[in-house]
Amino acid sequence: MKDLNTEFKPSSWAIDNKTAIYVLTIIIIVIGYFSYNGLPKENFPEVVIPKIIVQTIYPGTSPENMENLVTKQIEKQIKSTSGLKKITSNSYQDYSIITAEFNTNVEIKNAKQSVKDAVDKARQDLPNDLPQEPDVMDINLSDLPIMYINISGDFDLKRLKEYADDLKDRIEAFKEISYVQVVGALDPEVQINLDLNKMAAAQISFSDVENAVRYENMTISGGTVKMDGVRRTLNVKKEFKSALEIENIIIKSPTGASVYLKDLAEVKDAFKEQESYAHLYGKNVITLNVAKRSGENLIEASNKINDLLTEMKANILPKSLNVTVTGDQSNRTRITLHDLINTIIIGFILVTVILMFFMGVTNALFVAMSVPLSMFIAFMSMPTLGSVFGFSFTMNMMVLFSFLLGLGIVVDDAIVVIENTHRIFDNGKVPIKQAAKMAAGEVFLPVLSGTLTTLAPFVPLLFWPGIIGEFMFFLPATLIITLLASLVVAYIINPVFAVDFMKPHDDHENARPTFDKGTKRAMLVFAGLALFSYMISFGFGNFVVLMGLLYLLNHFYLTGSVRKFQTNVWPRIQARYVRVLKWALERPAKMLWGTFGLLVVTFGLFAFLVSIGRQKIIFFPSGEPNFIYVYVNLPVGTDQAYTNNIVNNVEKRVTDVVGRNNPMVTSIISNVTVGVTDPQSEDQGNYTNMGKVSVAFVEYSKRNGKSTSAYLSKIRDAVKGIPEAAITVAQEHGGPPTSKPISIEITGDNLDSLVSTSVRLQKYLETKQVAGVEELKSDFQNNKPEILFDIDRERANREGISTGQVGSDLRTAIYGKEVSKFRDLNEDYEINIRAKEDQRNN
């Protein structure tokens, strides 16, 4: 008999205070369950990307001017920011994007503030007529749309937009929602389209019209006056109520002549030129792109939105208005989480059944209990550890995969402790209480060292740098938390269960099992637990029912099978193992060299398979596509209306390939200008020369075993041959955001040299036809065609005008200028002045 000094004091204390341990176990189950329900549900973990984006919009500006007037001025200030690793910029037509990449040890909030300060310093060097301030933002993957709500029907555009705006306001009121972006809607405005010839005859300039409109549409506070002992506020309020009222404004020329605005211009309440387009199966729609807040529950957000849509369809929205939801990311997340949870439950049952054959029913149940209890402790710990160390735990695929990976590992500690207790107990020869204390003390150090060595390979993964490291962080973190929790269960909770439920073997157990009083009581307990569980959660209730059925299966069938296995099969396996082990121990040199040779052959075979292309090395598998994206890129400067025509052609070809009534397809959506880049790309800008067609498939379980990969090649073949259109077909990315598999950067000071080198290199690589290369693509965009004006300064001076005035009036005439606001009950509209359409385009 071992000396009692081998006891492990925490285990001995737990055995002596069993009531406290049972209460602790109940607390762990209850808090753990509610902690699990409280964890946000997502498909993948949220990662912080150490990059800050500065986006600046300056309509009507060429890429070259965009670089000189905007990009370089902001870059100059950002370069002095501390912690900056690299800065890159792209200047496009009307648009500038600057990416500041920081070192991974820089807090992203501090980096964003530093960049904001740098942009504020650069503001004095930027053009004064920017329509809005440069937008400084960090890259947050949670800002990607979680669903698309498409609105269509036989209504005028203004009415349709009102429904979209109402829906947007209601959805943005949910705490889970970050923003809702409206795509495909026409924005109302009051247009003042001036006749340049009439203006010249009346000697009236754009500035005269601007001042006349602005100063006749104002609300001014005149202060307060004291009258009859009461202070009264003075207000001058004269705002436009209709376009007709604007027409009757009197404008005075520098010569003193007066003219009505209606004699110079056409004033109308209309819509802005359509900047973006959205189609669902070829029909015009207004699309609401819905993005959730970081750290919020994706499934809960989706449920709230779908409930809102159901309620509004029934009570508020007209029956003829079509509202459809596409691309709902919660469906995939819900299916992934349920599949993994079901896999964990099935794995738990299999582990329990297998342990029954080797350890007996009672001991197996003690050990199996360590699985849910360890998980509940992990659920309890996640929010606390996340707040302490500054990261957010969510219930995502990586976390659940960690639980699945650790399913067979967390029982190791409990197996050793319970089996050692059973050995010392020796069917009642040693009191169970003493046996449990001695068993825990004997194996504590071996079990602790074994657990630590199991955890050791995962510790370096916690410090994996970069975006991939942040994405993978949750796998080792969850596994480490769960395995440490299994130590607590094995040494604090399991010994208490063993003391109360481990009984000496009864010879009467060989009798035929019957539905006795004990079985009836057990079934009543299971029935009560099931009813209570269904009140909490339908899934939890199903699990209790399953446990009850397993109890009956064990009572009437497994007990006899386990007994036969332990008395007949297992002894023969042990005997054969002893013979094999004895043979191996007698030949240590041969075993050592054989093991080393097997290792060499394994690595050699792997290297050979990789070299001949039979074994592929990829970081994250693609799998069957759930979405197929067709990206359309036309030459810079292409009008959005023309781009829309090309995208409609592409959409028609894609629809012909997949079929309009294909049961595997949930939607075919096309976008122009807005939402046309890769959803996981850093660049989420708006481009009039770009479009995207998105094909969404049903869940994998509803495809009846059919593959969606074949559509990739079919669509690639179908969209070939469209003039001037560079078309790329791809599926959605799995895993964290990553750059292209192979990127070749060409740097230099001369742009023409860079362009020619890029073209030559691309042609050279295309001729080589490198295996595995699907597409070669350059990110260089040619400048938009432009017309240059060379101002004759002498003549301009004689006329009393400057180059700046010429440029300003030219911009106002072509692009337009907001001079005031028109207010109605719902919102404010812009009042814009510019030249008549036939004079703008000639």
Foldseek 3Di string as FASTA:
>chain_A
DDDLVLFDVLLLVLQVVVVVLVVVLVVLVVLLVVLQVPFAFDAFAWFFFQKKKWKFFDAPDWQVCCCVQPVVLLVVLLVPDPQWDDKDKGGHHRMIMIMTGGDPVDDSVVSQVSSVVSQVVSVVSHDPPGVDRIDMDGDTLLQFFQWKKWKDFPDDLVVSVVVVVVLQVVLCVDQFFDHKDKFAGWAKFKEWAFAPVVCVVLQHAPVQLLVQQQVQADKDWPQWDADPNDIDTDIDGGHDDAQVVQQQGWTAHPVGDIDGSVVTTDIDTGTDDRQKFKDWLLHTIIMMGIGTDPRHHLLVSVVVSVVVVVVCCVPPDDVRMDIDMPNNNVVVSVVLLVVLVVLLLVLLVVQLLVCCLVPNNLLSVLLSVLLVSLSSQLSSCQVVVCVVVVHGDHNHNLLSVLSVVCSVVLSPLQCQLSVQLCVQCVLPPDQSSSSSRSSCSVCVVVSVVVLVVVLVVLVVLCVDDRRQSSRNNNNSVSNNSSNVSSSCSNSNPSSNSCNPPVHGDDPCLPDQFDCDPVVVVVVVVLVVVLVVLVVVPVVSSVSSVVVNVVVVCCRHPVNVVSVCCVVPVVVVVVVVVVVVVVVCVVPVVCVVVVVVVVVVVVVVVVVVCVVVVNDDDDDDDDPFFQKKKKKKAFARPDALVVLVVLVSVLLVLLCVLCDPPNLFWDIKMKMAQAPRDQSQDPDRGGGSRMMMIMTGTDDPVPPVPDGRVVSQVVSVVRSPDDPRIDMDMDGHDPTHDDDPPDDDDDDDDDPVVSVVVVVVVQVVVVVVCDPPDDDDDDPDHDIDDDDDDDDPQVVCVVVVHHPVVVVVSLCCAQVWDFSDWRDDPPDIHTYTYYHHPVVNVD
